[in-house]
Amino acid sequence: MATAIGIVQQVDWDVPEQTGLWSDAWVRFRRNPLAVAGLAVIVAMIVLAIGARLPTNPGGLWHVLHLTGDPVQQEVTNTYALPSLQHPLGTDVLGRDQLSRILYGASISLTIGIVVQFLILIIGGVIGMVAGYFGGWIDNLLMRFTDIMYAFPDLLLVLVFVAAFGPSFWSIFIALGLVYWVGLARLVRGQVLSIKEKEYVEAAIMSGTSPFKLIVKHLVPNSLGPVIVTLTFGIPAAIFTEAALSFLGIGIRPPEPSWGVMIEDGYAGIFADPRQVIFPGIAVALTMLSFTFVGDGLRDALDPRMRR
């Protein structure tokens, strides 16, 4: 008589450790070498730009590296000087140190590029959130206004605003914020409309959750990923616009050493000394490229379809 022998196998009931959205995004971001390299360049630029503005004692590190030299000090007897220990990138047509001017210009361009995104976030985020949540005539009114703003060329509106209020740091800052919010408003509205259809949001609405609490607790956190990516891509656009306005003579004005101002100053003597345009041009291109790499990395890292 055959005897049935039961074989008991040990079953592993361990559940794989779950990681949060931001922890998982950071892990995937670090696996993107271009994004990490772009972030390293951005951090280095920010540190150098801040260091260029800090007061130093003679003989200190920043002083030795000439990172806090006077960007407007002229040496008319030392114009178009070749790179040396005293002037690592040479001097311009007025004998001003190129490296100091580029680093000072970095503080202006980075400040405009980054800080203006907060103004865009406030304007575009609020309009998109209100339009998407309340819908109806409020949505139609806000979106028609958004469509009207979108119909005008961005650069033209910025030019009109800056020309009306005068070229300055604050006029450029406000102009960029009042013009570039349109894309973010549309994005936020689309995110809100999608999230509102989720079961947990519908349950919160049915339970009588106030609109403010619903927006803060559910809509805002679940919309952050695409918003962060969009704002990151907006930084190089703002930097380029500021440089273009300064080059056209209606942005940051001399002797303030903006990158656009440096390109404008060097353009007249580009055949005599191309370095006057090449060095600030490289700074603009490198910064824009770094933020673009970071934006690409964030887009992939925050994509929920790529989560483990």
Protein backbone atom coordinates (compact mmCIF):
# COMPACT_ATOMS: atom_id res chain seq x y z
CA MET A 1 0.00 0.00 0.00
CA ALA A 2 1.47 3.20 -1.12
CA THR A 3 1.86 5.88 1.47
CA ALA A 4 1.46 9.49 0.48
CA ILE A 5 4.20 11.62 1.87
CA GLY A 6 3.44 15.31 2.18
CA ILE A 7 6.35 17.66 1.62
CA VAL A 8 6.07 20.87 3.51
CA GLN A 9 7.92 23.74 1.93
CA GLN A 10 8.91 26.79 3.88
CA VAL A 11 7.33 29.88 2.42
CA ASP A 12 9.06 33.23 2.67
CA TRP A 13 6.41 35.73 3.74
CA ASP A 14 8.80 38.66 3.94
CA VAL A 15 7.39 41.72 2.21
CA PRO A 16 9.91 43.78 0.22
CA GLU A 17 10.73 47.01 1.93
CA GLN A 18 8.74 49.89 0.46
CA THR A 19 10.42 53.21 -0.16
CA GLY A 20 8.75 56.59 -0.20
CA LEU A 21 8.22 58.62 -3.35
CA TRP A 22 10.98 61.13 -2.62
CA SER A 23 13.47 58.50 -1.42
CA ASP A 24 12.89 56.41 -4.51
CA ALA A 25 13.13 59.51 -6.72
CA TRP A 26 16.46 60.46 -5.17
CA VAL A 27 17.84 56.96 -5.78
CA ARG A 28 16.82 57.09 -9.44
CA PHE A 29 18.10 60.65 -9.82
CA ARG A 30 21.56 59.61 -8.59
CA ARG A 31 21.68 56.91 -11.26
CA ASN A 32 21.50 59.57 -13.97
CA PRO A 33 25.12 60.73 -14.51
CA LEU A 34 24.18 63.79 -16.59
CA ALA A 35 21.69 64.97 -13.96
CA VAL A 36 24.24 64.51 -11.17
CA ALA A 37 26.89 66.35 -13.19
CA GLY A 38 24.45 69.17 -13.90
CA LEU A 39 23.57 69.44 -10.22
CA ALA A 40 27.26 69.54 -9.29
CA VAL A 41 27.88 72.38 -11.75
CA ILE A 42 24.90 74.33 -10.43
CA VAL A 43 25.99 73.93 -6.81
CA ALA A 44 29.54 74.99 -7.71
CA MET A 45 28.24 78.07 -9.52
CA ILE A 46 26.04 79.05 -6.59
CA VAL A 47 28.92 78.67 -4.12
CA LEU A 48 31.29 80.69 -6.32
CA ALA A 49 28.66 83.36 -6.95
CA ILE A 50 28.01 83.73 -3.21
CA GLY A 51 31.72 83.73 -2.49
CA ALA A 52 32.29 86.47 -5.03
CA ARG A 53 29.96 88.71 -3.05
CA LEU A 54 31.44 87.99 0.36
CA PRO A 55 33.90 90.48 1.85
CA THR A 56 37.36 89.04 2.38
CA ASN A 57 40.60 90.04 4.03
CA PRO A 58 43.70 90.54 1.87
CA GLY A 59 45.47 87.21 1.54
CA GLY A 60 42.33 85.17 2.21
CA LEU A 61 41.34 82.24 0.00
CA TRP A 62 38.79 84.13 -2.07
CA HIS A 63 41.17 87.06 -2.44
CA VAL A 64 44.03 84.85 -3.60
CA LEU A 65 41.78 83.19 -6.19
CA HIS A 66 40.58 86.62 -7.34
CA LEU A 67 36.97 85.60 -6.85
CA THR A 68 36.05 88.83 -5.11
CA GLY A 69 37.91 91.32 -7.22
CA ASP A 70 36.12 94.54 -8.03
CA PRO A 71 34.16 93.76 -11.22
CA VAL A 72 33.87 97.45 -12.13
CA GLN A 73 37.43 98.55 -11.34
CA GLN A 74 39.09 99.77 -14.54
CA GLU A 75 42.75 99.46 -15.49
CA VAL A 76 43.01 101.42 -18.71
CA THR A 77 46.68 100.49 -19.01
CA ASN A 78 45.85 96.76 -18.90
CA THR A 79 43.08 96.33 -21.47
CA TYR A 80 42.55 93.05 -23.32
CA ALA A 81 45.14 91.39 -21.09
CA LEU A 82 45.81 87.72 -21.69
CA PRO A 83 44.96 85.17 -18.95
CA SER A 84 47.43 85.26 -16.07
CA LEU A 85 47.62 84.49 -12.36
CA GLN A 86 46.35 87.97 -11.58
CA HIS A 87 43.57 87.78 -14.18
CA PRO A 88 42.80 84.08 -14.87
CA LEU A 89 40.45 84.93 -17.75
CA GLY A 90 42.15 88.14 -18.82
CA THR A 91 40.61 91.62 -18.86
CA ASP A 92 38.08 93.40 -21.05
CA VAL A 93 38.22 96.59 -23.09
CA LEU A 94 38.31 98.70 -19.91
CA GLY A 95 40.82 96.52 -18.08
CA ARG A 96 38.22 94.93 -15.79
CA ASP A 97 38.85 91.39 -14.54
CA GLN A 98 36.78 88.93 -16.57
CA LEU A 99 36.60 86.19 -13.94
CA SER A 100 35.28 88.55 -11.26
CA ARG A 101 32.66 89.91 -13.66
CA ILE A 102 31.52 86.43 -14.67
CA LEU A 103 31.15 85.34 -11.04
CA TYR A 104 29.32 88.52 -10.10
CA GLY A 105 27.15 88.05 -13.17
CA ALA A 106 26.37 84.51 -12.03
CA SER A 107 24.79 85.85 -8.84
CA ILE A 108 22.51 88.10 -10.90
CA SER A 109 21.52 85.50 -13.50
CA LEU A 110 21.02 82.67 -11.00
CA THR A 111 19.01 84.90 -8.69
CA ILE A 112 16.67 85.97 -11.47
CA GLY A 113 16.41 82.45 -12.88
CA ILE A 114 15.65 80.76 -9.56
CA VAL A 115 13.72 83.38 -7.59
CA VAL A 116 11.40 84.24 -10.47
CA GLN A 117 10.17 80.63 -10.37
CA PHE A 118 8.62 81.31 -6.96
CA LEU A 119 6.61 84.18 -8.44
CA ILE A 120 5.58 81.92 -11.32
CA LEU A 121 4.60 79.22 -8.81
CA ILE A 122 2.43 81.63 -6.84
CA ILE A 123 0.61 83.07 -9.85
CA GLY A 124 0.35 79.99 -12.05
CA GLY A 125 -0.14 77.56 -9.18
CA VAL A 126 -3.01 79.49 -7.62
CA ILE A 127 -4.79 80.12 -10.94
CA GLY A 128 -4.43 76.51 -12.06
CA MET A 129 -5.46 75.10 -8.68
CA VAL A 130 -8.55 77.30 -8.39
CA ALA A 131 -9.60 76.68 -12.00
CA GLY A 132 -9.18 72.92 -11.75
CA TYR A 133 -10.84 72.51 -8.37
CA PHE A 134 -13.91 74.73 -8.70
CA GLY A 135 -14.53 74.30 -12.44
CA GLY A 136 -17.62 75.85 -14.02
CA TRP A 137 -17.62 79.54 -14.84
CA ILE A 138 -14.55 80.12 -12.66
CA ASP A 139 -12.58 77.62 -14.73
CA ASN A 140 -13.83 79.14 -18.00
CA LEU A 141 -12.99 82.68 -16.90
CA LEU A 142 -9.48 81.86 -15.69
CA MET A 143 -8.65 79.65 -18.67
CA ARG A 144 -9.87 82.24 -21.20
CA PHE A 145 -7.63 84.79 -19.51
CA THR A 146 -4.80 82.27 -19.66
CA ASP A 147 -5.45 81.70 -23.37
CA ILE A 148 -5.29 85.45 -24.02
CA MET A 149 -1.94 85.68 -22.24
CA TYR A 150 -0.69 82.64 -24.13
CA ALA A 151 -1.62 84.21 -27.48
CA PHE A 152 0.94 86.99 -27.06
CA PRO A 153 4.65 86.26 -27.64
CA ASP A 154 6.38 85.96 -24.28
CA LEU A 155 9.44 88.00 -25.20
CA LEU A 156 7.28 90.78 -26.66
CA LEU A 157 5.32 91.14 -23.40
CA VAL A 158 8.54 91.20 -21.40
CA LEU A 159 9.98 93.87 -23.71
CA VAL A 160 6.87 96.03 -23.35
CA PHE A 161 6.85 95.73 -19.56
CA VAL A 162 10.55 96.47 -19.15
CA ALA A 163 10.36 99.37 -21.59
CA ALA A 164 7.41 100.83 -19.68
CA PHE A 165 8.94 100.57 -16.20
CA GLY A 166 12.60 100.96 -17.07
CA PRO A 167 15.46 98.44 -17.20
CA SER A 168 16.33 97.13 -13.75
CA PHE A 169 16.64 93.91 -11.80
CA TRP A 170 13.15 94.23 -10.32
CA SER A 171 11.42 95.13 -13.57
CA ILE A 172 12.91 92.03 -15.23
CA PHE A 173 11.99 89.89 -12.23
CA ILE A 174 8.36 91.04 -12.21
CA ALA A 175 8.04 90.92 -16.00
CA LEU A 176 9.22 87.31 -16.19
CA GLY A 177 6.89 86.28 -13.39
CA LEU A 178 3.87 87.98 -14.96
CA VAL A 179 4.52 86.38 -18.35
CA TYR A 180 5.81 82.85 -17.77
CA TRP A 181 3.10 81.61 -15.38
CA VAL A 182 0.77 80.51 -18.18
CA GLY A 183 2.32 77.11 -18.82
CA LEU A 184 2.39 76.24 -15.13
CA ALA A 185 -1.27 77.25 -14.68
CA ARG A 186 -2.31 74.87 -17.45
CA LEU A 187 -0.21 72.07 -16.00
CA VAL A 188 -1.58 72.49 -12.47
CA ARG A 189 -5.16 72.63 -13.75
CA GLY A 190 -4.67 69.37 -15.65
CA GLN A 191 -3.13 67.70 -12.61
CA VAL A 192 -6.00 68.82 -10.38
CA LEU A 193 -8.64 67.59 -12.83
CA SER A 194 -6.92 64.20 -12.93
CA ILE A 195 -6.48 63.91 -9.16
CA LYS A 196 -10.09 64.93 -8.49
CA GLU A 197 -11.24 61.72 -10.18
CA LYS A 198 -9.34 59.54 -7.69
CA GLU A 199 -11.50 57.56 -5.28
CA TYR A 200 -9.82 58.89 -2.14
CA VAL A 201 -10.45 62.48 -3.26
CA GLU A 202 -14.10 61.76 -4.05
CA ALA A 203 -14.44 60.10 -0.64
CA ALA A 204 -12.93 63.17 1.05
CA ILE A 205 -15.37 65.43 -0.79
CA MET A 206 -18.34 63.23 0.17
CA SER A 207 -17.23 63.29 3.81
CA GLY A 208 -17.47 67.08 3.86
CA THR A 209 -13.77 67.96 3.79
CA SER A 210 -13.33 71.70 3.29
CA PRO A 211 -11.90 72.85 -0.06
CA PHE A 212 -8.85 74.39 1.62
CA LYS A 213 -8.02 71.20 3.52
CA LEU A 214 -8.61 69.07 0.43
CA ILE A 215 -6.30 71.23 -1.66
CA VAL A 216 -3.54 71.31 0.95
CA LYS A 217 -3.75 67.64 1.94
CA HIS A 218 -4.40 65.92 -1.38
CA LEU A 219 -4.13 68.14 -4.44
CA VAL A 220 -0.92 70.03 -3.70
CA PRO A 221 1.24 67.04 -2.60
CA ASN A 222 0.16 64.91 -5.56
CA SER A 223 0.88 67.71 -8.05
CA LEU A 224 4.38 68.56 -6.83
CA GLY A 225 6.32 66.21 -9.10
CA PRO A 226 5.36 67.70 -12.50
CA VAL A 227 5.42 71.21 -11.03
CA ILE A 228 9.00 70.84 -9.77
CA VAL A 229 10.11 69.54 -13.17
CA THR A 230 8.41 72.42 -15.00
CA LEU A 231 9.93 75.05 -12.71
CA THR A 232 13.37 73.49 -13.15
CA PHE A 233 13.08 73.77 -16.93
CA GLY A 234 11.88 77.35 -16.47
CA ILE A 235 15.12 78.45 -14.81
CA PRO A 236 17.31 78.31 -17.96
CA ALA A 237 14.56 80.04 -19.94
CA ALA A 238 14.54 82.91 -17.45
CA ILE A 239 18.35 83.12 -17.45
CA PHE A 240 18.42 83.25 -21.25
CA THR A 241 15.71 85.93 -21.36
CA GLU A 242 17.60 88.10 -18.86
CA ALA A 243 20.80 87.73 -20.88
CA ALA A 244 18.94 88.59 -24.10
CA LEU A 245 17.34 91.68 -22.56
CA SER A 246 20.67 92.86 -21.18
CA PHE A 247 22.31 92.27 -24.56
CA LEU A 248 19.61 94.39 -26.22
CA GLY A 249 20.27 97.17 -23.73
CA ILE A 250 16.97 97.00 -21.84
CA GLY A 251 17.94 94.61 -19.07
CA ILE A 252 20.58 94.92 -16.38
CA ARG A 253 22.50 98.10 -17.07
CA PRO A 254 26.25 98.74 -16.90
CA PRO A 255 28.39 98.82 -14.89
CA GLU A 256 26.51 95.92 -13.22
CA PRO A 257 28.31 92.82 -14.58
CA SER A 258 25.45 90.73 -15.94
CA TRP A 259 26.33 88.01 -18.44
CA GLY A 260 24.18 89.72 -21.04
CA VAL A 261 25.90 93.04 -20.36
CA MET A 262 29.30 91.38 -20.76
CA ILE A 263 28.28 89.90 -24.11
CA GLU A 264 26.96 93.29 -25.20
CA ASP A 265 30.20 95.00 -24.17
CA GLY A 266 32.34 92.40 -25.92
CA TYR A 267 30.28 92.26 -29.10
CA ALA A 268 31.67 95.56 -30.41
CA GLY A 269 35.23 94.24 -30.18
CA ILE A 270 34.53 90.61 -30.97
CA PHE A 271 37.08 90.55 -33.80
CA ALA A 272 39.74 92.23 -31.68
CA ASP A 273 39.27 89.84 -28.74
CA PRO A 274 36.64 87.06 -29.11
CA ARG A 275 37.21 86.04 -25.46
CA GLN A 276 35.03 88.97 -24.39
CA VAL A 277 32.02 87.14 -25.82
CA ILE A 278 33.17 83.53 -25.54
CA PHE A 279 33.66 83.39 -21.75
CA PRO A 280 30.27 84.85 -20.70
CA GLY A 281 28.63 82.90 -23.53
CA ILE A 282 30.08 79.69 -22.14
CA ALA A 283 28.78 80.63 -18.68
CA VAL A 284 25.25 81.12 -20.04
CA ALA A 285 25.34 77.91 -22.10
CA LEU A 286 26.83 75.81 -19.29
CA THR A 287 24.25 77.04 -16.79
CA MET A 288 21.32 76.44 -19.12
CA LEU A 289 22.63 72.99 -20.05
CA SER A 290 23.13 72.04 -16.39
CA PHE A 291 19.58 72.99 -15.43
CA THR A 292 18.27 71.12 -18.48
CA PHE A 293 20.11 67.96 -17.40
CA VAL A 294 18.75 68.32 -13.87
CA GLY A 295 15.24 68.83 -15.24
CA ASP A 296 15.53 65.68 -17.37
CA GLY A 297 16.75 63.76 -14.34
CA LEU A 298 13.91 65.01 -12.15
CA ARG A 299 11.35 64.20 -14.83
CA ASP A 300 12.51 60.58 -14.97
CA ALA A 301 12.98 60.30 -11.21
CA LEU A 302 9.51 61.63 -10.36
CA ASP A 303 7.71 59.61 -13.04
CA PRO A 304 5.38 57.27 -11.08
CA ARG A 305 5.47 54.74 -13.92
CA MET A 306 9.17 54.14 -13.23
CA ARG A 307 8.76 53.44 -9.52
CA ARG A 308 9.79 50.05 -8.23
